[in-house]
C-alpha atoms as a PDB file:
ATOM      1  CA  MET A   1      18.109   3.150   4.382  1.00  0.00           C
ATOM      2  CA  ARG A   2      14.477   1.524   3.162  1.00  0.00           C
ATOM      3  CA  LYS A   3      11.752   3.809   1.153  1.00  0.00           C
ATOM      4  CA  GLN A   4      10.012   5.787   3.866  1.00  0.00           C
ATOM      5  CA  ILE A   5       6.050   5.821   1.851  1.00  0.00           C
ATOM      6  CA  ALA A   6       3.100   7.690   2.727  1.00  0.00           C
ATOM      7  CA  ALA A   7       0.563   5.948   0.300  1.00  0.00           C
ATOM      8  CA  ALA A   8      -2.858   7.475   0.284  1.00  0.00           C
ATOM      9  CA  ASN A   9      -6.049   5.391  -0.670  1.00  0.00           C
ATOM     10  CA  TRP A  10      -9.110   7.310  -2.142  1.00  0.00           C
ATOM     11  CA  LYS A  11     -10.869   4.554  -2.881  1.00  0.00           C
ATOM     12  CA  MET A  12     -14.204   5.018  -4.449  1.00  0.00           C
ATOM     13  CA  ASN A  13     -14.343   8.665  -3.295  1.00  0.00           C
ATOM     14  CA  LEU A  14     -14.333  12.206  -4.890  1.00  0.00           C
ATOM     15  CA  THR A  15     -15.367  13.170  -8.317  1.00  0.00           C
ATOM     16  CA  ILE A  16     -12.575  14.393 -10.628  1.00  0.00           C
ATOM     17  CA  GLN A  17     -13.323  17.570  -9.725  1.00  0.00           C
ATOM     18  CA  GLN A  18     -12.837  16.926  -5.964  1.00  0.00           C
ATOM     19  CA  GLY A  19      -9.777  14.883  -7.095  1.00  0.00           C
ATOM     20  CA  GLU A  20      -8.096  17.383  -8.711  1.00  0.00           C
ATOM     21  CA  GLN A  21      -8.390  20.338  -6.173  1.00  0.00           C
ATOM     22  CA  LEU A  22      -7.139  17.767  -3.751  1.00  0.00           C
ATOM     23  CA  LEU A  23      -4.125  17.505  -5.391  1.00  0.00           C
ATOM     24  CA  ASN A  24      -3.644  20.925  -6.045  1.00  0.00           C
ATOM     25  CA  ASP A  25      -4.113  21.960  -2.159  1.00  0.00           C
ATOM     26  CA  ILE A  26      -1.847  18.977  -1.329  1.00  0.00           C
ATOM     27  CA  ILE A  27       0.622  20.690  -3.606  1.00  0.00           C
ATOM     28  CA  ALA A  28       0.232  24.014  -2.480  1.00  0.00           C
ATOM     29  CA  LYS A  29       1.191  23.361   1.013  1.00  0.00           C
ATOM     30  CA  PRO A  30       4.248  23.016   2.053  1.00  0.00           C
ATOM     31  CA  HIS A  31       5.914  19.456   2.468  1.00  0.00           C
ATOM     32  CA  HIS A  32       9.515  17.690   1.330  1.00  0.00           C
ATOM     33  CA  LEU A  33      10.090  14.556   0.509  1.00  0.00           C
ATOM     34  CA  SER A  34      13.711  13.285   1.219  1.00  0.00           C
ATOM     35  CA  ALA A  35      15.647  10.987  -1.245  1.00  0.00           C
ATOM     36  CA  HIS A  36      14.391   7.956   0.758  1.00  0.00           C
ATOM     37  CA  GLN A  37      10.636   9.117   0.784  1.00  0.00           C
ATOM     38  CA  GLN A  38       7.844   8.917  -1.457  1.00  0.00           C
ATOM     39  CA  ALA A  39       4.455   9.900  -1.388  1.00  0.00           C
ATOM     40  CA  VAL A  40       2.126   7.643  -3.506  1.00  0.00           C
ATOM     41  CA  PHE A  41      -1.771   8.367  -4.496  1.00  0.00           C
ATOM     42  CA  ALA A  42      -3.772   5.342  -5.240  1.00  0.00           C
ATOM     43  CA  VAL A  43      -6.725   7.297  -7.015  1.00  0.00           C
ATOM     44  CA  PRO A  44      -9.834   5.718  -9.002  1.00  0.00           C
ATOM     45  CA  PHE A  45      -9.116   4.588 -12.564  1.00  0.00           C
ATOM     46  CA  PRO A  46     -10.814   7.495 -13.923  1.00  0.00           C
ATOM     47  CA  TYR A  47      -8.787   9.726 -12.449  1.00  0.00           C
ATOM     48  CA  LEU A  48      -5.378   7.933 -13.014  1.00  0.00           C
ATOM     49  CA  ALA A  49      -4.609  10.048 -15.960  1.00  0.00           C
ATOM     50  CA  MET A  50      -5.577  13.619 -14.447  1.00  0.00           C
ATOM     51  CA  ALA A  51      -3.298  12.625 -11.137  1.00  0.00           C
ATOM     52  CA  GLN A  52      -0.695  11.614 -13.604  1.00  0.00           C
ATOM     53  CA  ALA A  53      -0.879  14.864 -15.052  1.00  0.00           C
ATOM     54  CA  LYS A  54      -0.596  16.665 -12.276  1.00  0.00           C
ATOM     55  CA  MET A  55       1.692  15.237 -10.251  1.00  0.00           C
ATOM     56  CA  ALA A  56       4.349  14.686 -13.551  1.00  0.00           C
ATOM     57  CA  GLY A  57       7.801  16.050 -12.914  1.00  0.00           C
ATOM     58  CA  LYS A  58       7.737  16.189  -8.564  1.00  0.00           C
ATOM     59  CA  ASP A  59      10.233  13.896  -7.441  1.00  0.00           C
ATOM     60  CA  ASN A  60       9.414  10.876  -5.308  1.00  0.00           C
ATOM     61  CA  VAL A  61       5.636  11.099  -5.887  1.00  0.00           C
ATOM     62  CA  PHE A  62       3.845   7.964  -7.805  1.00  0.00           C
ATOM     63  CA  ILE A  63       0.170   7.708  -9.095  1.00  0.00           C
ATOM     64  CA  ALA A  64      -1.334   4.021  -7.868  1.00  0.00           C
ATOM     65  CA  ALA A  65      -3.957   2.055  -9.342  1.00  0.00           C
ATOM     66  CA  GLN A  66      -5.952   0.331  -6.544  1.00  0.00           C
ATOM     67  CA  ASN A  67      -6.130  -2.800  -8.306  1.00  0.00           C
ATOM     68  CA  CYS A  68      -5.449  -4.652 -11.699  1.00  0.00           C
ATOM     69  CA  TYR A  69      -6.803  -8.040 -13.498  1.00  0.00           C
ATOM     70  CA  THR A  70      -4.227 -11.146 -13.218  1.00  0.00           C
ATOM     71  CA  LYS A  71      -4.488 -11.319 -17.956  1.00  0.00           C
ATOM     72  CA  LYS A  72      -2.643  -9.365 -20.042  1.00  0.00           C
ATOM     73  CA  SER A  73      -5.494  -8.667 -22.010  1.00  0.00           C
ATOM     74  CA  GLY A  74      -8.529 -10.297 -23.876  1.00  0.00           C
ATOM     75  CA  ALA A  75     -12.632 -10.458 -23.472  1.00  0.00           C
ATOM     76  CA  TYR A  76     -12.123  -9.450 -19.433  1.00  0.00           C
ATOM     77  CA  THR A  77     -15.309  -7.049 -19.633  1.00  0.00           C
ATOM     78  CA  GLY A  78     -14.629  -4.243 -17.164  1.00  0.00           C
ATOM     79  CA  GLU A  79     -11.027  -4.941 -16.029  1.00  0.00           C
ATOM     80  CA  THR A  80      -7.976  -3.265 -16.206  1.00  0.00           C
ATOM     81  CA  SER A  81      -4.837  -4.751 -16.980  1.00  0.00           C
ATOM     82  CA  VAL A  82      -1.133  -3.670 -16.049  1.00  0.00           C
ATOM     83  CA  GLU A  83      -0.476  -3.215 -19.411  1.00  0.00           C
ATOM     84  CA  MET A  84      -3.109  -0.310 -19.673  1.00  0.00           C
ATOM     85  CA  LEU A  85      -1.712   0.970 -16.942  1.00  0.00           C
ATOM     86  CA  GLN A  86       1.684   0.807 -17.451  1.00  0.00           C
ATOM     87  CA  SER A  87       0.650   2.874 -21.042  1.00  0.00           C
ATOM     88  CA  LEU A  88      -0.425   5.819 -18.485  1.00  0.00           C
ATOM     89  CA  GLY A  89       2.820   5.640 -16.896  1.00  0.00           C
ATOM     90  CA  ILE A  90       1.458   4.285 -13.776  1.00  0.00           C
ATOM     91  CA  GLN A  91       4.389   2.061 -11.880  1.00  0.00           C
ATOM     92  CA  VAL A  92       2.777   1.351  -8.341  1.00  0.00           C
ATOM     93  CA  VAL A  93      -0.592  -0.892  -7.901  1.00  0.00           C
ATOM     94  CA  VAL A  94      -2.219  -1.754  -5.103  1.00  0.00           C
ATOM     95  CA  LEU A  95      -2.933  -5.423  -4.590  1.00  0.00           C
ATOM     96  CA  GLY A  96      -5.140  -7.729  -2.285  1.00  0.00           C
ATOM     97  CA  HIS A  97      -6.851  -4.654  -0.126  1.00  0.00           C
ATOM     98  CA  SER A  98      -8.994  -6.550   2.643  1.00  0.00           C
ATOM     99  CA  GLU A  99     -12.300  -4.966   0.947  1.00  0.00           C
ATOM    100  CA  ARG A 100     -10.949  -6.494  -2.451  1.00  0.00           C
ATOM    101  CA  ARG A 101     -10.305  -9.984  -0.171  1.00  0.00           C
ATOM    102  CA  GLU A 102     -13.694  -9.409   1.306  1.00  0.00           C
ATOM    103  CA  TYR A 103     -15.905  -7.885  -1.374  1.00  0.00           C
ATOM    104  CA  PHE A 104     -14.563  -9.729  -4.385  1.00  0.00           C
ATOM    105  CA  ASN A 105     -13.458 -12.647  -3.403  1.00  0.00           C
ATOM    106  CA  GLU A 106     -10.011 -12.587  -3.916  1.00  0.00           C
ATOM    107  CA  SER A 107      -8.041 -15.168  -3.084  1.00  0.00           C
ATOM    108  CA  ASN A 108      -4.185 -15.782  -1.998  1.00  0.00           C
ATOM    109  CA  GLN A 109      -3.532 -17.756  -5.175  1.00  0.00           C
ATOM    110  CA  MET A 110      -5.352 -14.923  -7.454  1.00  0.00           C
ATOM    111  CA  LEU A 111      -3.003 -12.531  -5.756  1.00  0.00           C
ATOM    112  CA  ALA A 112      -0.342 -14.623  -6.284  1.00  0.00           C
ATOM    113  CA  ASP A 113      -0.845 -14.052 -10.275  1.00  0.00           C
ATOM    114  CA  LYS A 114      -1.675 -10.416  -9.756  1.00  0.00           C
ATOM    115  CA  VAL A 115       1.779  -9.884  -8.048  1.00  0.00           C
ATOM    116  CA  ASN A 116       3.405 -11.859 -10.870  1.00  0.00           C
ATOM    117  CA  ILE A 117       1.702  -9.898 -13.771  1.00  0.00           C
ATOM    118  CA  VAL A 118       2.771  -6.215 -11.635  1.00  0.00           C
ATOM    119  CA  LEU A 119       6.453  -7.571 -11.419  1.00  0.00           C
ATOM    120  CA  GLU A 120       6.559  -8.387 -15.189  1.00  0.00           C
ATOM    121  CA  TYR A 121       5.707  -5.503 -15.907  1.00  0.00           C
ATOM    122  CA  ASN A 122       8.309  -4.168 -13.976  1.00  0.00           C
ATOM    123  CA  CYS A 123       5.884  -2.260 -11.514  1.00  0.00           C
ATOM    124  CA  THR A 124       6.095  -2.125  -7.990  1.00  0.00           C
ATOM    125  CA  PRO A 125       3.214  -4.059  -6.313  1.00  0.00           C
ATOM    126  CA  ILE A 126       1.755  -3.053  -2.495  1.00  0.00           C
ATOM    127  CA  PHE A 127       0.824  -6.288  -1.234  1.00  0.00           C
ATOM    128  CA  CYS A 128      -1.743  -5.843   1.685  1.00  0.00           C
ATOM    129  CA  CYS A 129      -2.134  -8.264   4.374  1.00  0.00           C
ATOM    130  CA  GLY A 130      -4.041  -8.571   7.595  1.00  0.00           C
ATOM    131  CA  GLU A 131      -6.607 -10.157   9.674  1.00  0.00           C
ATOM    132  CA  ALA A 132     -10.135  -9.416  11.097  1.00  0.00           C
ATOM    133  CA  LEU A 133     -11.091  -8.949  14.718  1.00  0.00           C
ATOM    134  CA  ALA A 134     -12.123 -12.426  15.401  1.00  0.00           C
ATOM    135  CA  ILE A 135      -8.478 -13.728  14.777  1.00  0.00           C
ATOM    136  CA  ARG A 136      -6.829 -11.001  16.411  1.00  0.00           C
ATOM    137  CA  GLU A 137      -9.228 -12.036  19.405  1.00  0.00           C
ATOM    138  CA  ALA A 138      -8.399 -15.856  19.100  1.00  0.00           C
ATOM    139  CA  GLY A 139      -4.499 -14.640  19.273  1.00  0.00           C
ATOM    140  CA  THR A 140      -3.515 -16.538  15.659  1.00  0.00           C
ATOM    141  CA  GLN A 141      -2.890 -12.924  13.338  1.00  0.00           C
ATOM    142  CA  ASN A 142       0.940 -13.868  13.064  1.00  0.00           C
ATOM    143  CA  GLU A 143      -0.383 -17.217  11.968  1.00  0.00           C
ATOM    144  CA  TYR A 144      -2.970 -15.880   9.689  1.00  0.00           C
ATOM    145  CA  VAL A 145      -0.730 -13.143   8.486  1.00  0.00           C
ATOM    146  CA  ALA A 146       2.239 -15.472   7.516  1.00  0.00           C
ATOM    147  CA  ILE A 147       0.016 -17.902   5.309  1.00  0.00           C
ATOM    148  CA  GLN A 148      -1.185 -14.950   3.342  1.00  0.00           C
ATOM    149  CA  LEU A 149       2.582 -13.872   2.814  1.00  0.00           C
ATOM    150  CA  GLU A 150       3.696 -17.760   2.179  1.00  0.00           C
ATOM    151  CA  GLU A 151       0.811 -18.332  -0.196  1.00  0.00           C
ATOM    152  CA  SER A 152       0.930 -14.939  -2.227  1.00  0.00           C
ATOM    153  CA  LEU A 153       4.967 -14.438  -2.265  1.00  0.00           C
ATOM    154  CA  PHE A 154       7.027 -16.809  -1.677  1.00  0.00           C
ATOM    155  CA  HIS A 155       7.186 -18.184  -4.893  1.00  0.00           C
ATOM    156  CA  LEU A 156       8.959 -14.886  -5.426  1.00  0.00           C
ATOM    157  CA  SER A 157      12.897 -14.621  -6.043  1.00  0.00           C
ATOM    158  CA  ALA A 158      15.132 -12.622  -3.398  1.00  0.00           C
ATOM    159  CA  GLU A 159      15.328 -10.503  -6.292  1.00  0.00           C
ATOM    160  CA  GLN A 160      11.379 -10.317  -6.884  1.00  0.00           C
ATOM    161  CA  ILE A 161      10.534  -9.553  -3.362  1.00  0.00           C
ATOM    162  CA  GLN A 162      12.562  -6.855  -3.040  1.00  0.00           C
ATOM    163  CA  LYS A 163      10.480  -5.231  -5.592  1.00  0.00           C
ATOM    164  CA  VAL A 164       7.361  -5.537  -3.403  1.00  0.00           C
ATOM    165  CA  VAL A 165       6.283  -3.375  -0.714  1.00  0.00           C
ATOM    166  CA  ILE A 166       4.082  -4.819   2.110  1.00  0.00           C
ATOM    167  CA  ALA A 167       1.141  -3.146   3.802  1.00  0.00           C
ATOM    168  CA  TYR A 168      -0.044  -4.588   7.211  1.00  0.00           C
ATOM    169  CA  GLU A 169      -3.772  -3.402   8.005  1.00  0.00           C
ATOM    170  CA  PRO A 170      -5.795  -4.813  10.690  1.00  0.00           C
ATOM    171  CA  ILE A 171      -9.155  -5.029   8.968  1.00  0.00           C
ATOM    172  CA  TRP A 172     -10.734  -4.090  12.521  1.00  0.00           C
ATOM    173  CA  ALA A 173      -8.810  -1.093  12.568  1.00  0.00           C
ATOM    174  CA  ILE A 174      -9.780   0.083   8.892  1.00  0.00           C
ATOM    175  CA  GLY A 175     -12.343   3.006   9.123  1.00  0.00           C
ATOM    176  CA  THR A 176     -13.352   1.998  12.228  1.00  0.00           C
ATOM    177  CA  GLY A 177     -11.451   4.711  14.783  1.00  0.00           C
ATOM    178  CA  LYS A 178      -9.775   1.898  16.353  1.00  0.00           C
ATOM    179  CA  THR A 179      -5.997   1.863  15.478  1.00  0.00           C
ATOM    180  CA  ALA A 180      -3.460  -0.726  16.779  1.00  0.00           C
ATOM    181  CA  SER A 181      -1.469   0.996  18.911  1.00  0.00           C
ATOM    182  CA  SER A 182       2.101   1.520  18.033  1.00  0.00           C
ATOM    183  CA  GLU A 183       3.752  -1.267  19.798  1.00  0.00           C
ATOM    184  CA  GLN A 184       1.133  -4.076  18.168  1.00  0.00           C
ATOM    185  CA  ALA A 185       1.506  -2.193  14.763  1.00  0.00           C
ATOM    186  CA  GLN A 186       5.718  -2.957  15.795  1.00  0.00           C
ATOM    187  CA  GLU A 187       5.020  -6.098  17.127  1.00  0.00           C
ATOM    188  CA  MET A 188       2.911  -7.236  13.565  1.00  0.00           C
ATOM    189  CA  HIS A 189       5.819  -5.422  11.543  1.00  0.00           C
ATOM    190  CA  ALA A 190       8.556  -7.319  13.361  1.00  0.00           C
ATOM    191  CA  HIS A 191       6.690 -10.588  12.733  1.00  0.00           C
ATOM    192  CA  LEU A 192       6.287  -9.938   8.730  1.00  0.00           C
ATOM    193  CA  ARG A 193       9.927  -9.155   8.158  1.00  0.00           C
ATOM    194  CA  ALA A 194      11.094 -11.916  10.792  1.00  0.00           C
ATOM    195  CA  VAL A 195       8.670 -14.380   8.310  1.00  0.00           C
ATOM    196  CA  LEU A 196       9.985 -12.652   5.347  1.00  0.00           C
ATOM    197  CA  ALA A 197      13.684 -13.364   7.006  1.00  0.00           C
ATOM    198  CA  GLY A 198      12.504 -16.948   7.366  1.00  0.00           C
ATOM    199  CA  LYS A 199      12.652 -17.088   3.731  1.00  0.00           C
ATOM    200  CA  TYR A 200      14.780 -14.915   2.228  1.00  0.00           C
ATOM    201  CA  GLY A 201      17.519 -14.237   4.870  1.00  0.00           C
ATOM    202  CA  ALA A 202      17.721 -10.721   6.999  1.00  0.00           C
ATOM    203  CA  SER A 203      19.679  -8.792   4.534  1.00  0.00           C
ATOM    204  CA  VAL A 204      16.707  -9.229   2.007  1.00  0.00           C
ATOM    205  CA  ALA A 205      14.120  -8.996   4.692  1.00  0.00           C
ATOM    206  CA  ASP A 206      15.736  -5.477   6.020  1.00  0.00           C
ATOM    207  CA  ASN A 207      15.405  -3.813   2.147  1.00  0.00           C
ATOM    208  CA  ILE A 208      11.565  -4.682   1.915  1.00  0.00           C
ATOM    209  CA  SER A 209       9.631  -1.832   3.234  1.00  0.00           C
ATOM    210  CA  ILE A 210       6.503  -3.039   5.277  1.00  0.00           C
ATOM    211  CA  LEU A 211       3.610   0.070   5.680  1.00  0.00           C
ATOM    212  CA  TYR A 212       0.796   0.072   8.471  1.00  0.00           C
ATOM    213  CA  GLY A 213      -2.703  -0.014   7.350  1.00  0.00           C
ATOM    214  CA  GLY A 214      -5.614   1.107   9.726  1.00  0.00           C
ATOM    215  CA  SER A 215      -6.875   4.740  10.726  1.00  0.00           C
ATOM    216  CA  VAL A 216      -3.537   6.521  10.558  1.00  0.00           C
ATOM    217  CA  LYS A 217      -4.181   9.986  10.764  1.00  0.00           C
ATOM    218  CA  ALA A 218      -2.278  13.062  11.217  1.00  0.00           C
ATOM    219  CA  SER A 219      -2.033  12.865  15.056  1.00  0.00           C
ATOM    220  CA  ASN A 220      -0.707   9.379  15.352  1.00  0.00           C
ATOM    221  CA  ALA A 221       1.207   9.003  12.509  1.00  0.00           C
ATOM    222  CA  LYS A 222       4.579  10.407  13.721  1.00  0.00           C
ATOM    223  CA  GLU A 223       4.293   7.443  16.606  1.00  0.00           C
ATOM    224  CA  ILE A 224       3.490   4.564  14.344  1.00  0.00           C
ATOM    225  CA  PHE A 225       6.251   5.758  11.990  1.00  0.00           C
ATOM    226  CA  SER A 226       8.597   6.038  14.441  1.00  0.00           C
ATOM    227  CA  GLN A 227       8.652   2.375  15.124  1.00  0.00           C
ATOM    228  CA  PRO A 228      11.829   0.613  14.004  1.00  0.00           C
ATOM    229  CA  ASP A 229      10.052  -1.787  11.690  1.00  0.00           C
ATOM    230  CA  VAL A 230       7.233   0.591  10.166  1.00  0.00           C
ATOM    231  CA  ASP A 231       8.081   2.148   6.803  1.00  0.00           C
ATOM    232  CA  GLY A 232       5.060   4.600   6.344  1.00  0.00           C
ATOM    233  CA  GLY A 233       1.541   3.933   5.914  1.00  0.00           C
ATOM    234  CA  LEU A 234      -1.313   3.026   3.542  1.00  0.00           C
ATOM    235  CA  VAL A 235      -4.172   5.862   4.464  1.00  0.00           C
ATOM    236  CA  GLY A 236      -7.739   5.679   3.761  1.00  0.00           C
ATOM    237  CA  GLY A 237      -9.883   8.652   5.133  1.00  0.00           C
ATOM    238  CA  ALA A 238      -7.086  11.081   6.167  1.00  0.00           C
ATOM    239  CA  SER A 239      -5.732  11.108   2.682  1.00  0.00           C
ATOM    240  CA  LEU A 240      -9.196  12.922   1.481  1.00  0.00           C
ATOM    241  CA  ILE A 241      -8.105  16.055   3.522  1.00  0.00           C
ATOM    242  CA  ALA A 242      -5.223  17.849   2.262  1.00  0.00           C
ATOM    243  CA  ASP A 243      -3.985  19.047   6.004  1.00  0.00           C
ATOM    244  CA  GLU A 244      -4.161  15.745   7.119  1.00  0.00           C
ATOM    245  CA  PHE A 245      -2.421  13.674   4.419  1.00  0.00           C
ATOM    246  CA  VAL A 246       0.117  16.567   4.317  1.00  0.00           C
ATOM    247  CA  ALA A 247       1.192  16.227   7.824  1.00  0.00           C
ATOM    248  CA  ILE A 248       1.574  12.237   7.273  1.00  0.00           C
ATOM    249  CA  ILE A 249       3.945  12.733   4.226  1.00  0.00           C
ATOM    250  CA  ASN A 250       5.834  15.317   6.982  1.00  0.00           C
ATOM    251  CA  SER A 251       5.324  12.561   9.900  1.00  0.00           C
ATOM    252  CA  LEU A 252       7.775   9.968   7.623  1.00  0.00           C
ATOM    253  CA  LYS A 253      11.262   9.100   9.216  1.00  0.00           C
END
């Protein structure tokens, strides 16, 4: 069975004290992760060591970085390399979130370079893709998202692509309170899997986890996650509330 993943994206929120308290609250609440399930916490860079120490020894729980740079090292003030992340024990990196694409001009080619270096260090990229409202309204979302995959991922081998987790995030549903219906989520996830199958074959595509991101919360997680091609969620605002995120973890299939 594909990995089912509840991934928290804290974005640029919380003080370190608040973050530590949130993790304590989540740990204290009843939740269970089966062998095929994972909880991932993508926390701000200054909190990685704290979160890694807090979750040390917990089965199927991973701390993730929210970004990385394309180079191994060098004169790139303010950037963080995968080697630095790995030295903290970080094994997961979120790449290409729509906010990174929009505010920091991250291109598909830059993201291809980031995917390469994350895989080079044997870490897992959570690769984000998705369309803005204008693209959805124009009815061209399938072609748009396919291009994101093709330009950033299709240089990978079949072995490499199976180490990538994909997160589909309709940009019009991020932080807006709007959510793609479970049918819309399934439709796009099935399309993404078909695009992957067209390049790598059905058996490879069936082995790749595809998460949904866009106003996932406790009240809708179970319905969204129940769709056959939805393998969990990349969760923003609701991941900052312990009760909400634990309920989302418990909604994994």
